Amino acid sequence: MHATFVLYIGLILVILLLVMLAQRIKISYPIVLVVGGLGISFIPGLPAISINPELIFLIFLPPLLYEAAWYTSWKEFWKWRRVISSFAFGIVLLTSCVIAVISSNLIPGFTLALGFLLGGIISPPDAVSASTVLKDVEAPKRLRSIIEGESLLNDASSLIVYRFALTAVVAGTFSFREAALSFVVVIIMGIAIGIAIGLVFYAIHRWLPTTPSMDTVLTLIAPYIMYITAEAFHFSGVLAVVSGGLFMSSKSHSVLSHLSRLQGNNVWSTVGFVLNSIVFMLIGLELPVVVHQLGDSSLKEAIMYGLIISVVVIIARILSTMGASIFTVFISRFIKTADNNPGWRMPLVFGWAGMRGVVSLAAALHIPLMAGDHPFPQRNMILFITFVVILVTLVLQGLTLPVLIRKLKLEEPDYLLSEVEQETLVRKKLAYTTLEALDRLYKTDVEQNVLLQQLRSGLVNEKNFLHSYAESHGTDVNRHQAIKRYKTVYFELLREQRAALEEINKKAEFNEEIVRKVFSQLDLAEEKLRLQF
């Protein structure tokens, strides 16, 4: 037990070093972690690390889905709901069918049910990989919104396909009518359970005397309750977490205090980073174990099957997204669509942003060892092919996606103003609104209260700054240079203030709690500046 604990502490340290390396060489960290984990697995004397699939599904999946739902823009999600739904359900089902047909004809001993099982496992793209790649690339807002929205739903659809295919393999029979009905029930009831539990947590946050720490803990346990409850009734735990997360996120500004939101955001960003990093590292570490389990199967043949299936998965997604673009142009003649002519560039990028990851890994590992009284057929081959698909899509598509986006020169089609101009305009309107309200409602108080006079003076300065900032820099390049220099000077001043506080804290006549309070204020000032520009 002690040795295992030390091993995982060391693993976390290695993860941090690899993420630093990824930032230095400007490569998406999931790619570096998978490749790094694969390299570490060959170190002599390192104990084999075997992943418990229940660990992935129960411990990792709910919080990762909840975090993704919490930070998803409901406005963007609703705007692109048709595209997101068609990608999350239609493309997943289509990909599963294609994989089922090809794998059953390609791999000896593979039945159609096993093909659907493999298709359900490898059909959903991983959102974390795409999001981390897009983070450092100038990409249109709709690209990010649709990829993030798709990732919230495609896990559910793929796992439902996986569940039905698994039942067909074990039982030996399959009824399309019953499966279609169950598919609808699983989806609807999963969403209903998520919203119902979300309402319970909404009531707790709103009407009970919670503290910021208690609010944060409640947000941490909410996804587990949603997931476990839905799965206990054999409904979609994934959709329960997603729907509950979207509901709670939409109500966060009305039920959580600013301290709860600030503390919760910090905690969730750390939790999400650690969980995602561990899973991607485990993908690389697990591959040698899967290779060892192939047994009598030829490694060369298994690699060939994995590469062929990887190519099929990539091509099927690209053809699906391009086909969806053509269908959108056609259907826009009869119904109103968000974009009547998507073109080919954006759909091509959507198709290429199909890296596989966490859910595919967990689903493959979750295949039981036995199917009734006999070993589960082709389990090791399915596991190996899944790992090859994850590796190929992560490395190949992950490394080339930024290049593709730059080559295609995708422009922002939805917003006339740049993000900087939008933010400046919003802040100007807020400054004007606040000053107008202060002068209209509290004019007498301002004349008599020195603190309110200082507040008004600060608002006037911010308004003048924003006005001069918007008017004096004609191009985005000049504006960017001005922001960069402003932040450099401001951060240097904050460093000087922190150094002064450290000297003050050495003196006996100053209370350390006061010094810590001022330190926190400086931290908030720095964070405010980082968020403003």
Protein backbone atom coordinates (compact mmCIF):
# COMPACT_ATOMS: atom_id res chain seq x y z
CA MET A 1 0.00 0.00 0.00
CA HIS A 2 2.80 2.39 0.93
CA ALA A 3 4.71 1.59 -2.27
CA THR A 4 1.59 2.11 -4.40
CA PHE A 5 0.93 5.49 -2.80
CA VAL A 6 4.52 6.60 -3.43
CA LEU A 7 4.24 5.39 -7.04
CA TYR A 8 1.18 7.52 -7.73
CA ILE A 9 2.72 10.58 -6.05
CA GLY A 10 5.70 10.14 -8.35
CA LEU A 11 3.31 9.74 -11.28
CA ILE A 12 1.68 13.09 -10.54
CA LEU A 13 5.09 14.78 -10.42
CA VAL A 14 5.97 13.24 -13.78
CA ILE A 15 2.64 14.48 -15.17
CA LEU A 16 3.44 18.04 -14.08
CA LEU A 17 6.88 17.87 -15.71
CA LEU A 18 5.39 16.55 -18.95
CA VAL A 19 2.72 19.28 -18.99
CA MET A 20 5.48 21.88 -18.52
CA LEU A 21 7.31 20.29 -21.44
CA ALA A 22 4.13 20.43 -23.53
CA GLN A 23 3.77 24.14 -22.79
CA ARG A 24 7.38 24.77 -23.68
CA ILE A 25 7.23 22.96 -27.04
CA LYS A 26 3.68 24.26 -27.67
CA ILE A 27 1.99 20.88 -28.09
CA SER A 28 -1.35 19.91 -26.58
CA TYR A 29 -0.61 18.30 -23.22
CA PRO A 30 -2.83 15.18 -23.72
CA ILE A 31 -0.58 14.18 -26.63
CA VAL A 32 2.59 14.59 -24.58
CA LEU A 33 1.08 12.71 -21.63
CA VAL A 34 0.01 9.72 -23.72
CA VAL A 35 3.37 9.50 -25.49
CA GLY A 36 5.20 10.11 -22.20
CA GLY A 37 3.20 7.42 -20.44
CA LEU A 38 3.99 4.99 -23.24
CA GLY A 39 7.70 5.76 -22.93
CA ILE A 40 7.69 5.45 -19.14
CA SER A 41 5.95 2.05 -19.35
CA PHE A 42 9.10 0.57 -20.92
CA ILE A 43 11.34 1.57 -18.00
CA PRO A 44 12.81 -1.67 -16.52
CA GLY A 45 11.55 -2.53 -13.06
CA LEU A 46 8.51 -0.26 -13.21
CA PRO A 47 5.46 -2.22 -11.98
CA ALA A 48 2.72 -2.77 -14.54
CA ILE A 49 -0.19 -0.38 -14.01
CA SER A 50 -3.59 -1.85 -14.77
CA ILE A 51 -6.59 0.48 -14.96
CA ASN A 52 -9.80 -0.42 -13.21
CA PRO A 53 -12.60 0.60 -15.63
CA GLU A 54 -14.98 1.26 -12.74
CA LEU A 55 -12.44 3.79 -11.53
CA ILE A 56 -12.68 5.69 -14.82
CA PHE A 57 -16.47 5.54 -15.08
CA LEU A 58 -17.31 6.29 -11.46
CA ILE A 59 -14.48 8.52 -10.21
CA PHE A 60 -13.21 10.32 -13.30
CA LEU A 61 -16.12 10.58 -15.74
CA PRO A 62 -18.81 12.39 -13.66
CA PRO A 63 -16.67 15.36 -12.55
CA LEU A 64 -15.09 15.73 -15.99
CA LEU A 65 -18.51 15.84 -17.66
CA TYR A 66 -19.89 18.17 -15.00
CA GLU A 67 -16.99 20.59 -15.42
CA ALA A 68 -17.44 20.60 -19.20
CA ALA A 69 -21.19 21.24 -18.84
CA TRP A 70 -20.64 23.95 -16.22
CA TYR A 71 -18.37 25.98 -18.50
CA THR A 72 -20.43 25.44 -21.66
CA SER A 73 -22.27 28.50 -22.96
CA TRP A 74 -25.97 27.63 -22.90
CA LYS A 75 -26.63 30.42 -25.44
CA GLU A 76 -24.13 28.95 -27.90
CA PHE A 77 -25.29 25.41 -27.11
CA TRP A 78 -28.91 26.30 -27.95
CA LYS A 79 -27.92 28.29 -31.04
CA TRP A 80 -26.11 25.30 -32.54
CA ARG A 81 -28.38 22.63 -31.02
CA ARG A 82 -29.26 21.01 -34.37
CA VAL A 83 -25.64 20.71 -35.49
CA ILE A 84 -24.56 19.47 -32.05
CA SER A 85 -27.37 16.90 -31.90
CA SER A 86 -26.70 15.62 -35.41
CA PHE A 87 -22.99 15.27 -34.64
CA ALA A 88 -23.46 13.75 -31.20
CA PHE A 89 -26.10 11.21 -32.20
CA GLY A 90 -26.18 10.91 -35.98
CA ILE A 91 -22.43 10.76 -36.62
CA VAL A 92 -21.85 8.46 -33.64
CA LEU A 93 -24.51 6.02 -34.88
CA LEU A 94 -23.27 6.23 -38.46
CA THR A 95 -19.65 5.70 -37.41
CA SER A 96 -20.68 2.72 -35.27
CA CYS A 97 -22.46 1.16 -38.26
CA VAL A 98 -19.49 1.69 -40.58
CA ILE A 99 -17.06 0.22 -38.05
CA ALA A 100 -19.40 -2.72 -37.44
CA VAL A 101 -19.57 -3.63 -41.13
CA ILE A 102 -15.86 -3.15 -41.88
CA SER A 103 -14.49 -4.83 -38.75
CA SER A 104 -16.79 -7.86 -39.08
CA ASN A 105 -15.55 -8.38 -42.64
CA LEU A 106 -11.91 -7.51 -41.91
CA ILE A 107 -11.08 -9.31 -38.66
CA PRO A 108 -11.40 -13.13 -38.48
CA GLY A 109 -13.89 -14.20 -35.82
CA PHE A 110 -15.50 -10.77 -35.57
CA THR A 111 -19.31 -10.80 -35.63
CA LEU A 112 -21.56 -7.86 -36.45
CA ALA A 113 -22.43 -7.48 -32.75
CA LEU A 114 -18.72 -7.29 -31.86
CA GLY A 115 -18.31 -4.73 -34.63
CA PHE A 116 -21.05 -2.57 -33.13
CA LEU A 117 -19.40 -2.96 -29.74
CA LEU A 118 -16.11 -1.70 -31.16
CA GLY A 119 -17.94 1.10 -32.99
CA GLY A 120 -19.67 2.24 -29.81
CA ILE A 121 -16.31 2.32 -28.05
CA ILE A 122 -14.29 4.34 -30.57
CA SER A 123 -17.00 6.56 -32.11
CA PRO A 124 -17.04 9.48 -29.58
CA PRO A 125 -14.31 12.15 -29.96
CA ASP A 126 -12.66 13.50 -26.83
CA ALA A 127 -13.42 17.13 -25.97
CA VAL A 128 -10.40 17.74 -23.76
CA SER A 129 -7.95 16.98 -26.54
CA ALA A 130 -9.68 19.26 -29.04
CA SER A 131 -10.16 22.06 -26.49
CA THR A 132 -6.51 22.08 -25.45
CA VAL A 133 -5.42 22.13 -29.10
CA LEU A 134 -7.81 25.00 -29.96
CA LYS A 135 -6.76 26.99 -26.90
CA ASP A 136 -3.59 28.26 -28.57
CA VAL A 137 -5.08 28.71 -32.05
CA GLU A 138 -7.17 31.56 -33.46
CA ALA A 139 -10.34 29.60 -34.20
CA PRO A 140 -13.94 30.79 -34.73
CA LYS A 141 -16.22 30.77 -31.72
CA ARG A 142 -18.71 28.41 -33.36
CA LEU A 143 -15.96 25.83 -33.89
CA ARG A 144 -15.24 25.68 -30.17
CA SER A 145 -18.93 25.80 -29.21
CA ILE A 146 -19.99 22.92 -31.47
CA ILE A 147 -17.01 20.73 -30.52
CA GLU A 148 -17.66 21.32 -26.80
CA GLY A 149 -21.41 20.80 -27.19
CA GLU A 150 -20.92 17.64 -29.22
CA SER A 151 -18.62 16.21 -26.56
CA LEU A 152 -21.32 16.62 -23.91
CA LEU A 153 -23.77 14.39 -25.79
CA ASN A 154 -21.73 11.99 -27.91
CA ASP A 155 -20.42 10.13 -24.85
CA ALA A 156 -23.99 9.28 -23.93
CA SER A 157 -24.97 8.09 -27.42
CA SER A 158 -21.83 5.98 -27.82
CA LEU A 159 -22.22 4.36 -24.41
CA ILE A 160 -25.83 3.51 -25.21
CA VAL A 161 -24.71 1.81 -28.45
CA TYR A 162 -22.01 0.07 -26.43
CA ARG A 163 -24.54 -1.15 -23.87
CA PHE A 164 -26.90 -2.64 -26.47
CA ALA A 165 -24.05 -4.26 -28.42
CA LEU A 166 -22.64 -5.77 -25.23
CA THR A 167 -26.04 -7.24 -24.41
CA ALA A 168 -26.30 -8.68 -27.92
CA VAL A 169 -22.88 -10.34 -27.64
CA VAL A 170 -23.60 -11.86 -24.24
CA ALA A 171 -27.22 -12.90 -24.90
CA GLY A 172 -26.73 -13.80 -28.57
CA THR A 173 -29.95 -12.03 -29.63
CA PHE A 174 -30.85 -8.47 -30.61
CA SER A 175 -34.20 -6.75 -31.22
CA PHE A 176 -33.97 -3.48 -33.13
CA ARG A 177 -37.45 -2.37 -32.02
CA GLU A 178 -36.72 -2.92 -28.34
CA ALA A 179 -33.30 -1.28 -28.69
CA ALA A 180 -34.78 1.82 -30.39
CA LEU A 181 -37.43 2.19 -27.68
CA SER A 182 -34.89 1.66 -24.92
CA PHE A 183 -32.58 4.20 -26.59
CA VAL A 184 -35.23 6.91 -26.33
CA VAL A 185 -36.21 6.00 -22.76
CA VAL A 186 -32.58 5.94 -21.59
CA ILE A 187 -32.00 9.41 -23.03
CA ILE A 188 -35.18 11.05 -21.75
CA MET A 189 -35.01 9.56 -18.27
CA GLY A 190 -31.30 10.34 -17.95
CA ILE A 191 -31.98 14.01 -18.70
CA ALA A 192 -34.98 14.05 -16.34
CA ILE A 193 -32.98 12.59 -13.43
CA GLY A 194 -30.17 15.08 -13.96
CA ILE A 195 -32.53 18.07 -13.91
CA ALA A 196 -34.47 16.69 -10.93
CA ILE A 197 -31.32 16.29 -8.84
CA GLY A 198 -30.15 19.68 -10.11
CA LEU A 199 -33.35 21.20 -8.68
CA VAL A 200 -32.58 19.65 -5.30
CA PHE A 201 -29.09 21.16 -5.26
CA TYR A 202 -30.52 24.45 -6.50
CA ALA A 203 -32.80 24.52 -3.45
CA ILE A 204 -29.92 23.67 -1.10
CA HIS A 205 -27.72 26.45 -2.48
CA ARG A 206 -30.51 29.01 -2.51
CA TRP A 207 -32.38 28.50 0.72
CA LEU A 208 -29.97 26.84 3.14
CA PRO A 209 -27.20 28.80 4.99
CA THR A 210 -24.23 27.46 3.02
CA THR A 211 -20.71 28.91 3.02
CA PRO A 212 -18.37 29.20 0.00
CA SER A 213 -16.54 26.05 1.11
CA MET A 214 -19.82 24.17 1.51
CA ASP A 215 -20.99 25.38 -1.91
CA THR A 216 -17.78 24.10 -3.47
CA VAL A 217 -18.15 20.69 -1.81
CA LEU A 218 -21.76 20.48 -2.98
CA THR A 219 -20.70 21.11 -6.58
CA LEU A 220 -18.11 18.35 -6.24
CA ILE A 221 -20.58 15.72 -5.02
CA ALA A 222 -23.47 16.73 -7.31
CA PRO A 223 -22.17 14.96 -10.46
CA TYR A 224 -21.58 11.72 -8.56
CA ILE A 225 -25.13 11.70 -7.18
CA MET A 226 -26.55 12.42 -10.65
CA TYR A 227 -24.48 9.72 -12.30
CA ILE A 228 -25.00 7.00 -9.67
CA THR A 229 -28.74 7.63 -9.43
CA ALA A 230 -29.29 7.43 -13.19
CA GLU A 231 -27.12 4.33 -13.58
CA ALA A 232 -28.90 2.64 -10.67
CA PHE A 233 -32.12 2.79 -12.73
CA HIS A 234 -30.23 1.75 -15.92
CA PHE A 235 -30.61 5.16 -17.55
CA SER A 236 -27.88 7.37 -19.00
CA GLY A 237 -25.66 8.61 -16.18
CA VAL A 238 -23.72 10.70 -18.71
CA LEU A 239 -26.81 12.64 -19.80
CA ALA A 240 -27.89 13.01 -16.18
CA VAL A 241 -24.59 14.72 -15.34
CA VAL A 242 -24.63 16.85 -18.49
CA SER A 243 -28.23 18.05 -18.09
CA GLY A 244 -27.79 18.66 -14.37
CA GLY A 245 -24.52 20.51 -14.98
CA LEU A 246 -26.04 22.74 -17.65
CA PHE A 247 -28.99 23.53 -15.36
CA MET A 248 -26.83 24.38 -12.35
CA SER A 249 -24.47 26.45 -14.48
CA SER A 250 -27.38 28.54 -15.80
CA LYS A 251 -28.49 29.23 -12.20
CA SER A 252 -25.03 29.78 -10.67
CA HIS A 253 -25.24 33.59 -10.64
CA SER A 254 -28.53 33.52 -8.74
CA VAL A 255 -27.71 30.85 -6.13
CA LEU A 256 -23.97 31.25 -5.52
CA SER A 257 -22.21 34.20 -3.93
CA HIS A 258 -19.25 35.82 -5.67
CA LEU A 259 -16.91 34.12 -3.18
CA SER A 260 -18.48 30.74 -3.88
CA ARG A 261 -18.06 31.24 -7.61
CA LEU A 262 -14.47 32.46 -7.26
CA GLN A 263 -13.48 29.60 -4.96
CA GLY A 264 -15.39 27.01 -6.96
CA ASN A 265 -13.79 28.04 -10.24
CA ASN A 266 -10.32 27.71 -8.74
CA VAL A 267 -11.07 24.29 -7.26
CA TRP A 268 -12.72 22.95 -10.41
CA SER A 269 -9.93 24.13 -12.71
CA THR A 270 -7.43 22.23 -10.55
CA VAL A 271 -9.59 19.10 -10.18
CA GLY A 272 -10.33 18.97 -13.91
CA PHE A 273 -6.67 19.39 -14.83
CA VAL A 274 -5.50 16.66 -12.45
CA LEU A 275 -8.17 14.13 -13.46
CA ASN A 276 -7.68 14.68 -17.19
CA SER A 277 -3.90 14.49 -16.87
CA ILE A 278 -3.98 11.25 -14.89
CA VAL A 279 -6.29 9.56 -17.40
CA PHE A 280 -4.19 10.52 -20.43
CA MET A 281 -1.03 9.35 -18.67
CA LEU A 282 -2.71 6.04 -17.81
CA ILE A 283 -3.61 5.53 -21.48
CA GLY A 284 0.09 5.41 -22.35
CA LEU A 285 1.01 3.32 -19.32
CA GLU A 286 -1.68 0.73 -20.03
CA LEU A 287 -0.69 -0.07 -23.61
CA PRO A 288 2.07 -2.61 -22.79
CA VAL A 289 -0.40 -4.45 -20.54
CA VAL A 290 -2.89 -4.65 -23.42
CA VAL A 291 -0.17 -5.88 -25.81
CA HIS A 292 0.79 -8.60 -23.32
CA GLN A 293 -2.86 -9.72 -23.14
CA LEU A 294 -3.08 -10.29 -26.90
CA GLY A 295 -1.87 -13.83 -26.28
CA ASP A 296 -1.96 -15.95 -29.42
CA SER A 297 -2.95 -13.06 -31.67
CA SER A 298 -0.24 -11.71 -33.93
CA LEU A 299 0.97 -8.27 -32.84
CA LYS A 300 1.68 -7.37 -36.46
CA GLU A 301 -1.86 -8.25 -37.52
CA ALA A 302 -3.34 -6.44 -34.52
CA ILE A 303 -1.41 -3.28 -35.40
CA MET A 304 -2.60 -3.56 -39.01
CA TYR A 305 -6.23 -3.91 -37.91
CA GLY A 306 -5.83 -0.96 -35.52
CA LEU A 307 -4.35 1.29 -38.23
CA ILE A 308 -7.05 0.35 -40.75
CA ILE A 309 -9.84 1.01 -38.24
CA SER A 310 -8.17 4.33 -37.31
CA VAL A 311 -8.20 5.42 -40.96
CA VAL A 312 -11.83 4.34 -41.30
CA VAL A 313 -12.81 6.31 -38.20
CA ILE A 314 -11.09 9.46 -39.48
CA ILE A 315 -12.53 9.22 -42.99
CA ALA A 316 -16.03 8.38 -41.74
CA ARG A 317 -16.09 11.48 -39.54
CA ILE A 318 -14.80 13.79 -42.26
CA LEU A 319 -17.32 12.46 -44.79
CA SER A 320 -20.08 12.82 -42.20
CA THR A 321 -19.26 16.44 -41.41
CA MET A 322 -18.94 17.34 -45.09
CA GLY A 323 -22.22 15.56 -45.78
CA ALA A 324 -23.85 17.46 -42.93
CA SER A 325 -22.75 20.72 -44.59
CA ILE A 326 -24.35 19.69 -47.89
CA PHE A 327 -27.54 18.63 -46.11
CA THR A 328 -27.67 21.98 -44.28
CA VAL A 329 -27.57 23.87 -47.59
CA PHE A 330 -30.44 21.71 -48.87
CA ILE A 331 -32.64 21.79 -45.77
CA SER A 332 -32.20 25.57 -45.32
CA ARG A 333 -34.57 25.99 -48.27
CA PHE A 334 -37.38 24.62 -46.14
CA ILE A 335 -36.51 25.50 -42.52
CA LYS A 336 -34.53 28.24 -40.81
CA THR A 337 -30.96 27.22 -39.95
CA ALA A 338 -28.22 28.97 -37.98
CA ASP A 339 -26.03 29.04 -41.11
CA ASN A 340 -27.46 28.51 -44.58
CA ASN A 341 -24.07 27.91 -46.20
CA PRO A 342 -21.43 26.39 -43.89
CA GLY A 343 -19.00 25.89 -46.79
CA TRP A 344 -16.31 23.20 -46.67
CA ARG A 345 -13.53 24.68 -44.52
CA MET A 346 -15.30 24.62 -41.15
CA PRO A 347 -16.81 21.12 -41.66
CA LEU A 348 -13.37 19.83 -42.66
CA VAL A 349 -11.89 21.13 -39.41
CA PHE A 350 -14.79 19.59 -37.46
CA GLY A 351 -14.08 16.30 -39.14
CA TRP A 352 -10.38 16.45 -38.36
CA ALA A 353 -11.00 17.41 -34.70
CA GLY A 354 -11.98 13.85 -33.84
CA MET A 355 -9.34 12.73 -31.35
CA ARG A 356 -10.40 9.82 -29.15
CA GLY A 357 -9.67 9.63 -25.42
CA VAL A 358 -11.09 9.00 -21.97
CA VAL A 359 -14.53 7.52 -22.70
CA SER A 360 -13.21 5.14 -25.36
CA LEU A 361 -10.55 3.93 -22.92
CA ALA A 362 -13.03 3.35 -20.10
CA ALA A 363 -15.57 1.60 -22.33
CA ALA A 364 -12.98 -0.78 -23.79
CA LEU A 365 -11.61 -1.70 -20.37
CA HIS A 366 -15.15 -2.21 -19.07
CA ILE A 367 -15.77 -5.19 -21.37
CA PRO A 368 -16.27 -8.20 -19.06
CA LEU A 369 -13.80 -11.06 -19.05
CA MET A 370 -16.56 -13.64 -19.44
CA ALA A 371 -19.64 -13.83 -21.66
CA GLY A 372 -21.72 -16.33 -19.75
CA ASP A 373 -19.66 -19.49 -19.29
CA HIS A 374 -17.11 -18.61 -21.98
CA PRO A 375 -14.36 -15.99 -22.28
CA PHE A 376 -15.62 -12.82 -23.93
CA PRO A 377 -14.85 -13.18 -27.66
CA GLN A 378 -12.16 -10.92 -29.14
CA ARG A 379 -11.89 -8.85 -25.94
CA ASN A 380 -8.13 -8.40 -26.18
CA MET A 381 -8.28 -7.48 -29.87
CA ILE A 382 -10.96 -4.85 -29.18
CA LEU A 383 -8.83 -3.43 -26.38
CA PHE A 384 -5.74 -3.24 -28.57
CA ILE A 385 -7.57 -1.66 -31.52
CA THR A 386 -9.08 0.93 -29.17
CA PHE A 387 -5.65 1.91 -27.86
CA VAL A 388 -4.26 2.17 -31.40
CA VAL A 389 -7.16 4.40 -32.46
CA ILE A 390 -6.63 6.65 -29.41
CA LEU A 391 -2.90 6.93 -30.10
CA VAL A 392 -3.25 7.53 -33.85
CA THR A 393 -6.00 10.14 -33.58
CA LEU A 394 -4.41 11.94 -30.65
CA VAL A 395 -0.95 12.18 -32.15
CA LEU A 396 -1.78 12.53 -35.86
CA GLN A 397 -4.84 14.78 -35.63
CA GLY A 398 -3.76 16.55 -32.47
CA LEU A 399 -0.44 17.65 -33.95
CA THR A 400 -1.85 18.65 -37.34
CA LEU A 401 -5.13 20.32 -36.29
CA PRO A 402 -3.49 23.71 -35.50
CA VAL A 403 -1.65 23.60 -38.84
CA LEU A 404 -4.90 22.83 -40.68
CA ILE A 405 -6.72 25.73 -39.00
CA ARG A 406 -3.93 28.16 -39.90
CA LYS A 407 -3.73 26.92 -43.50
CA LEU A 408 -7.48 27.26 -44.05
CA LYS A 409 -7.46 30.77 -42.49
CA LEU A 410 -10.84 30.38 -40.85
CA GLU A 411 -12.52 33.72 -40.18
CA GLU A 412 -14.97 34.54 -37.41
CA PRO A 413 -18.36 34.44 -39.21
CA ASP A 414 -20.65 35.21 -36.28
CA TYR A 415 -19.24 38.33 -34.58
CA LEU A 416 -18.44 41.57 -36.42
CA LEU A 417 -16.38 42.89 -33.52
CA SER A 418 -13.26 41.15 -32.20
CA GLU A 419 -13.30 39.73 -28.68
CA VAL A 420 -11.19 42.68 -27.46
CA GLU A 421 -13.61 45.19 -29.00
CA GLN A 422 -16.64 43.36 -27.60
CA GLU A 423 -15.15 43.27 -24.11
CA THR A 424 -14.16 46.95 -24.23
CA LEU A 425 -17.66 47.91 -25.34
CA VAL A 426 -19.27 45.86 -22.55
CA ARG A 427 -17.01 47.40 -19.91
CA LYS A 428 -17.69 50.91 -21.25
CA LYS A 429 -21.43 50.32 -21.01
CA LEU A 430 -21.05 48.98 -17.46
CA ALA A 431 -18.98 52.03 -16.46
CA TYR A 432 -21.54 54.44 -17.93
CA THR A 433 -24.46 52.57 -16.33
CA THR A 434 -22.79 52.53 -12.91
CA LEU A 435 -21.91 56.24 -13.02
CA GLU A 436 -25.42 57.15 -14.14
CA ALA A 437 -26.98 55.11 -11.33
CA LEU A 438 -24.58 56.59 -8.75
CA ASP A 439 -25.36 60.17 -9.79
CA ARG A 440 -29.10 59.54 -10.09
CA LEU A 441 -29.76 57.51 -6.94
CA TYR A 442 -27.01 58.54 -4.53
CA LYS A 443 -26.07 62.10 -5.47
CA THR A 444 -26.42 63.40 -1.89
CA ASP A 445 -24.46 60.48 -0.46
CA VAL A 446 -21.62 61.10 -2.90
CA GLU A 447 -21.42 64.76 -1.87
CA GLN A 448 -21.14 63.81 1.81
CA ASN A 449 -19.23 60.52 1.76
CA VAL A 450 -15.51 60.56 0.97
CA LEU A 451 -15.44 56.84 0.17
CA LEU A 452 -18.26 57.20 -2.38
CA GLN A 453 -16.41 60.16 -3.90
CA GLN A 454 -13.36 57.93 -4.37
CA LEU A 455 -15.57 55.25 -5.88
CA ARG A 456 -17.02 57.73 -8.37
CA SER A 457 -13.55 59.00 -9.20
CA GLY A 458 -12.39 55.45 -9.91
CA LEU A 459 -15.39 54.84 -12.18
CA VAL A 460 -14.70 58.08 -14.07
CA ASN A 461 -11.06 57.08 -14.53
CA GLU A 462 -12.08 53.63 -15.81
CA LYS A 463 -14.58 55.18 -18.22
CA ASN A 464 -11.95 57.63 -19.54
CA PHE A 465 -9.38 54.85 -19.82
CA LEU A 466 -11.73 52.65 -21.82
CA HIS A 467 -12.71 55.56 -24.07
CA SER A 468 -9.10 56.50 -24.79
CA TYR A 469 -8.17 52.83 -25.19
CA ALA A 470 -10.89 52.29 -27.78
CA GLU A 471 -10.13 55.49 -29.69
CA SER A 472 -6.36 55.82 -29.58
CA HIS A 473 -5.31 52.44 -31.00
CA GLY A 474 -6.45 52.07 -34.56
CA THR A 475 -5.38 48.49 -35.19
CA ASP A 476 -5.49 45.26 -33.26
CA VAL A 477 -1.68 45.08 -33.48
CA ASN A 478 -1.23 48.47 -31.78
CA ARG A 479 -3.90 47.63 -29.26
CA HIS A 480 -2.22 44.33 -28.45
CA GLN A 481 1.15 46.04 -27.96
CA ALA A 482 -0.41 48.64 -25.67
CA ILE A 483 -2.12 45.95 -23.59
CA LYS A 484 1.08 43.93 -23.36
CA ARG A 485 3.10 46.90 -22.13
CA TYR A 486 0.37 48.00 -19.72
CA LYS A 487 0.19 44.51 -18.18
CA THR A 488 3.98 44.27 -17.95
CA VAL A 489 4.20 47.54 -16.00
CA TYR A 490 1.21 46.72 -13.81
CA PHE A 491 2.48 43.25 -12.93
CA GLU A 492 5.88 44.71 -12.06
CA LEU A 493 4.17 47.17 -9.72
CA LEU A 494 2.29 44.28 -8.11
CA ARG A 495 5.59 42.44 -7.60
CA GLU A 496 7.02 45.53 -5.92
CA GLN A 497 3.98 45.74 -3.65
CA ARG A 498 4.28 42.07 -2.71
CA ALA A 499 7.97 42.52 -1.90
CA ALA A 500 7.08 45.49 0.30
CA LEU A 501 4.43 43.42 2.06
CA GLU A 502 6.97 40.70 2.79
CA GLU A 503 9.21 43.29 4.43
CA ILE A 504 6.28 44.71 6.39
CA ASN A 505 5.35 41.22 7.57
CA LYS A 506 8.78 40.87 9.19
CA LYS A 507 8.00 43.73 11.57
CA ALA A 508 6.43 42.81 14.89
CA GLU A 509 3.98 45.72 15.00
CA PHE A 510 1.95 44.43 11.99
CA ASN A 511 -0.68 41.72 12.28
CA GLU A 512 0.02 38.93 9.79
CA GLU A 513 -3.71 38.48 9.11
CA ILE A 514 -3.85 42.05 7.81
CA VAL A 515 -0.85 41.40 5.58
CA ARG A 516 -2.46 38.23 4.21
CA LYS A 517 -5.65 40.15 3.51
CA VAL A 518 -3.73 42.74 1.48
CA PHE A 519 -1.91 39.93 -0.34
CA SER A 520 -5.31 38.50 -1.33
CA GLN A 521 -6.42 41.89 -2.59
CA LEU A 522 -3.32 42.09 -4.78
CA ASP A 523 -4.05 38.59 -6.09
CA LEU A 524 -7.59 39.62 -6.99
CA ALA A 525 -6.28 42.76 -8.69
CA GLU A 526 -3.90 40.68 -10.79
CA GLU A 527 -6.60 38.17 -11.66
CA LYS A 528 -8.96 41.01 -12.62
CA LEU A 529 -6.36 42.40 -15.02
CA ARG A 530 -5.71 38.97 -16.54
CA LEU A 531 -9.44 38.48 -17.13
CA GLN A 532 -9.96 41.99 -18.50
CA PHE A 533 -7.49 41.68 -21.40
